[in-house]
Amino acid sequence: MSTTTTSVSSTPGSTPPLFGDGHGKYRILLLGNSGKRSTTGRELAAILGVPSIGARAGRAPSPEELKAKVGATLGEAGGSWVADGDYRTKLGNFVLDKTTDVVWLDPPLALYFPRILLRTILRLLRIEAPCSPGCPERFSEVLFSKDSILWWCLTHHRSNRERNQERMAEIGIGCGTRRRMRRLGGWGEERRVWLESVKELAKGE
């Protein structure tokens, strides 16, 4: 599969930065193999004044319990939320079908991996807080476990891009029938411009 993907930017007269449901509600799913995803989720939630739901909120022993937990978390958000993470492996389209907007963060591996590496080292040295409260990371987990975020980013970068390219073909703005998914690629400028557009959108509401 080709790795060429068209980015969709928000310029005056084109598509809005977010669609929403037409009644002031935004249910946004952030996708991507990027360490910038959780940061973007928090920034976006703060701009819109909606709850931010991290990927780690979607963990449970079984698919049934996971579905119930995620469903309850989304329901408690009051109709608007920013969800960070890909729940499709265990839940299929359960979260995706509830969205008004899907945003794929797709920066180059060379941009985001060094940042993830630095933050991981800072957490190991207890300079930064752990990803999950009360669950500090250990060197053995980070360096030798296949569940390590470093290992995951390196081994899933390509497959993650291919999976999201397929989603773009289905629901991407300008190319799908249920068009609500956009890609933000490049080295950061496209993401910055898009967030500024969201700020302007929020001011007008």
Protein backbone atom coordinates (compact mmCIF):
# COMPACT_ATOMS: atom_id res chain seq x y z
CA MET A 1 0.00 0.00 0.00
CA SER A 2 1.23 3.45 -0.83
CA THR A 3 2.12 5.65 2.11
CA THR A 4 1.09 8.84 0.30
CA THR A 5 -1.80 10.52 2.08
CA THR A 6 -3.42 13.85 1.36
CA SER A 7 -3.65 16.23 4.31
CA VAL A 8 -6.83 18.20 4.80
CA SER A 9 -6.27 21.70 6.08
CA SER A 10 -8.86 24.18 7.27
CA THR A 11 -8.77 27.36 5.23
CA PRO A 12 -11.39 30.07 4.83
CA GLY A 13 -14.08 28.93 2.44
CA SER A 14 -13.18 25.25 2.79
CA THR A 15 -14.07 22.75 5.49
CA PRO A 16 -14.44 23.95 9.08
CA PRO A 17 -11.80 22.82 11.62
CA LEU A 18 -14.49 20.73 13.34
CA PHE A 19 -17.97 19.66 12.29
CA GLY A 20 -19.68 18.85 15.59
CA ASP A 21 -23.27 17.65 15.59
CA GLY A 22 -24.77 20.98 14.54
CA HIS A 23 -26.03 21.63 18.06
CA GLY A 24 -22.82 22.72 19.76
CA LYS A 25 -21.65 19.23 20.71
CA TYR A 26 -18.26 17.82 19.70
CA ARG A 27 -17.31 14.16 20.05
CA ILE A 28 -13.74 13.93 18.78
CA LEU A 29 -11.53 10.87 18.43
CA LEU A 30 -7.77 11.39 18.11
CA LEU A 31 -5.85 8.68 16.27
CA GLY A 32 -2.18 8.13 15.54
CA ASN A 33 1.02 6.58 16.79
CA SER A 34 2.23 9.93 18.04
CA GLY A 35 3.36 11.03 21.48
CA LYS A 36 1.73 14.34 20.58
CA ARG A 37 -1.69 12.71 20.69
CA SER A 38 -2.34 13.03 24.43
CA THR A 39 -0.94 16.58 24.45
CA THR A 40 -3.19 17.56 21.56
CA GLY A 41 -6.14 15.93 23.31
CA ARG A 42 -5.64 18.02 26.44
CA GLU A 43 -5.14 21.22 24.41
CA LEU A 44 -8.21 20.56 22.28
CA ALA A 45 -10.38 19.72 25.29
CA ALA A 46 -9.27 22.92 27.04
CA ILE A 47 -10.08 25.04 23.97
CA LEU A 48 -13.56 23.56 23.65
CA GLY A 49 -14.22 23.25 27.37
CA VAL A 50 -15.05 19.55 27.12
CA PRO A 51 -13.76 16.44 28.98
CA SER A 52 -10.54 14.79 27.81
CA ILE A 53 -10.64 10.99 27.89
CA GLY A 54 -7.21 9.35 27.80
CA ALA A 55 -6.44 6.04 26.14
CA ARG A 56 -5.67 4.47 29.52
CA ALA A 57 -9.24 5.11 30.61
CA GLY A 58 -10.17 2.39 28.16
CA ARG A 59 -8.57 -0.57 29.94
CA ALA A 60 -10.49 -3.50 31.36
CA PRO A 61 -9.98 -7.28 31.75
CA SER A 62 -12.46 -8.34 29.03
CA PRO A 63 -13.97 -6.78 25.89
CA GLU A 64 -17.41 -6.73 27.55
CA GLU A 65 -16.10 -4.90 30.61
CA LEU A 66 -14.07 -2.59 28.40
CA LYS A 67 -17.14 -1.71 26.33
CA ALA A 68 -19.16 -1.03 29.48
CA LYS A 69 -16.36 1.09 30.98
CA VAL A 70 -15.74 3.15 27.84
CA GLY A 71 -19.47 3.56 27.25
CA ALA A 72 -19.99 4.81 30.79
CA THR A 73 -17.03 7.19 30.53
CA LEU A 74 -18.34 8.67 27.28
CA GLY A 75 -21.84 8.93 28.69
CA GLU A 76 -20.63 10.80 31.77
CA ALA A 77 -18.92 13.35 29.51
CA GLY A 78 -22.28 14.96 28.76
CA GLY A 79 -22.42 14.70 24.98
CA SER A 80 -19.08 16.35 24.19
CA TRP A 81 -15.62 14.84 24.62
CA VAL A 82 -12.15 14.39 23.19
CA ALA A 83 -11.06 10.73 23.26
CA ASP A 84 -7.39 9.89 22.84
CA GLY A 85 -6.68 6.43 21.52
CA ASP A 86 -7.63 3.67 19.11
CA TYR A 87 -10.25 1.38 20.63
CA ARG A 88 -10.96 -0.47 17.40
CA THR A 89 -8.88 -3.59 18.16
CA LYS A 90 -11.12 -4.62 21.06
CA LEU A 91 -14.28 -2.60 20.47
CA GLY A 92 -14.53 -2.33 16.70
CA ASN A 93 -16.34 0.87 15.71
CA PHE A 94 -18.05 1.32 19.10
CA VAL A 95 -16.26 4.64 19.77
CA LEU A 96 -15.79 5.67 16.14
CA ASP A 97 -19.53 5.50 15.43
CA LYS A 98 -20.22 7.97 18.24
CA THR A 99 -17.91 10.65 16.88
CA THR A 100 -18.67 13.88 15.08
CA ASP A 101 -14.99 14.33 14.14
CA VAL A 102 -11.95 12.08 13.77
CA VAL A 103 -8.46 13.60 13.75
CA TRP A 104 -5.44 11.58 12.65
CA LEU A 105 -2.14 12.95 13.95
CA ASP A 106 0.50 11.70 11.53
CA PRO A 107 3.87 13.40 12.09
CA PRO A 108 7.11 11.74 10.94
CA LEU A 109 8.60 9.13 13.26
CA ALA A 110 11.78 11.22 13.35
CA LEU A 111 9.81 14.05 14.96
CA TYR A 112 7.84 12.31 17.68
CA PHE A 113 10.03 9.35 18.69
CA PRO A 114 12.83 11.47 20.25
CA ARG A 115 10.19 13.31 22.27
CA ILE A 116 8.67 10.06 23.52
CA LEU A 117 12.15 8.78 24.38
CA LEU A 118 12.94 11.94 26.38
CA ARG A 119 9.65 11.87 28.30
CA THR A 120 10.12 8.17 29.04
CA ILE A 121 13.58 8.83 30.47
CA LEU A 122 12.20 11.67 32.60
CA ARG A 123 9.51 9.35 33.97
CA LEU A 124 12.08 6.66 34.72
CA LEU A 125 14.13 9.21 36.63
CA ARG A 126 10.94 10.27 38.48
CA ILE A 127 11.30 13.80 37.10
CA GLU A 128 7.91 13.53 35.39
CA ALA A 129 4.78 11.82 36.71
CA PRO A 130 4.01 8.29 35.44
CA CYS A 131 1.49 7.76 32.65
CA SER A 132 -0.83 6.03 35.11
CA PRO A 133 -0.99 7.42 38.68
CA GLY A 134 0.65 5.06 41.14
CA CYS A 135 2.19 2.91 38.40
CA PRO A 136 5.78 4.09 37.84
CA GLU A 137 7.64 2.60 34.90
CA ARG A 138 10.70 0.42 35.37
CA PHE A 139 13.81 0.17 33.22
CA SER A 140 13.12 -3.52 32.49
CA GLU A 141 9.65 -2.68 31.17
CA VAL A 142 10.84 0.19 29.01
CA LEU A 143 13.94 -1.48 27.57
CA PHE A 144 13.03 -5.16 27.32
CA SER A 145 9.24 -5.49 27.23
CA LYS A 146 7.31 -5.61 23.97
CA ASP A 147 4.61 -3.62 25.77
CA SER A 148 7.02 -0.70 26.08
CA ILE A 149 5.80 2.52 24.49
CA LEU A 150 9.19 2.84 22.76
CA TRP A 151 8.96 -0.62 21.23
CA TRP A 152 5.34 -0.02 20.29
CA CYS A 153 6.09 3.20 18.42
CA LEU A 154 8.96 1.69 16.47
CA THR A 155 7.16 -1.51 15.49
CA HIS A 156 3.68 -0.10 14.86
CA HIS A 157 4.44 3.14 13.04
CA ARG A 158 3.93 1.70 9.57
CA SER A 159 0.94 -0.53 10.36
CA ASN A 160 -0.72 2.34 12.21
CA ARG A 161 -0.37 4.59 9.16
CA GLU A 162 -1.75 1.91 6.84
CA ARG A 163 -4.74 1.35 9.12
CA ASN A 164 -5.55 5.04 9.24
CA GLN A 165 -5.10 5.40 5.50
CA GLU A 166 -7.84 2.79 5.12
CA ARG A 167 -10.04 4.77 7.47
CA MET A 168 -9.40 7.91 5.45
CA ALA A 169 -10.64 6.10 2.36
CA GLU A 170 -13.88 5.34 4.22
CA ILE A 171 -14.59 8.53 6.19
CA GLY A 172 -11.93 11.04 5.16
CA ILE A 173 -12.95 14.57 4.27
CA GLY A 174 -13.11 14.81 0.51
CA CYS A 175 -12.86 11.09 -0.16
CA GLY A 176 -15.39 9.17 1.94
CA THR A 177 -19.15 8.90 2.23
CA ARG A 178 -19.32 9.62 5.99
CA ARG A 179 -16.78 12.42 5.77
CA ARG A 180 -15.54 13.50 9.18
CA MET A 181 -11.90 12.41 9.39
CA ARG A 182 -8.92 14.69 8.72
CA ARG A 183 -5.16 14.12 8.77
CA LEU A 184 -2.65 16.48 10.36
CA GLY A 185 0.82 15.60 9.12
CA GLY A 186 4.13 17.39 8.70
CA TRP A 187 6.49 18.70 11.35
CA GLY A 188 4.00 20.59 13.51
CA GLU A 189 2.89 23.66 11.57
CA GLU A 190 -0.26 22.02 10.23
CA ARG A 191 -1.30 20.98 13.74
CA ARG A 192 -0.62 24.49 15.09
CA VAL A 193 -2.66 26.18 12.37
CA TRP A 194 -5.53 23.75 12.90
CA LEU A 195 -5.62 24.37 16.67
CA GLU A 196 -5.69 28.11 16.00
CA SER A 197 -8.67 27.55 13.70
CA VAL A 198 -10.41 25.58 16.45
CA LYS A 199 -9.80 28.49 18.85
CA GLU A 200 -11.48 30.86 16.41
CA LEU A 201 -14.38 28.44 16.05
CA ALA A 202 -14.78 28.22 19.83
CA LYS A 203 -14.75 32.03 20.17
CA GLY A 204 -17.61 32.33 17.72
CA GLU A 205 -19.90 30.01 19.65
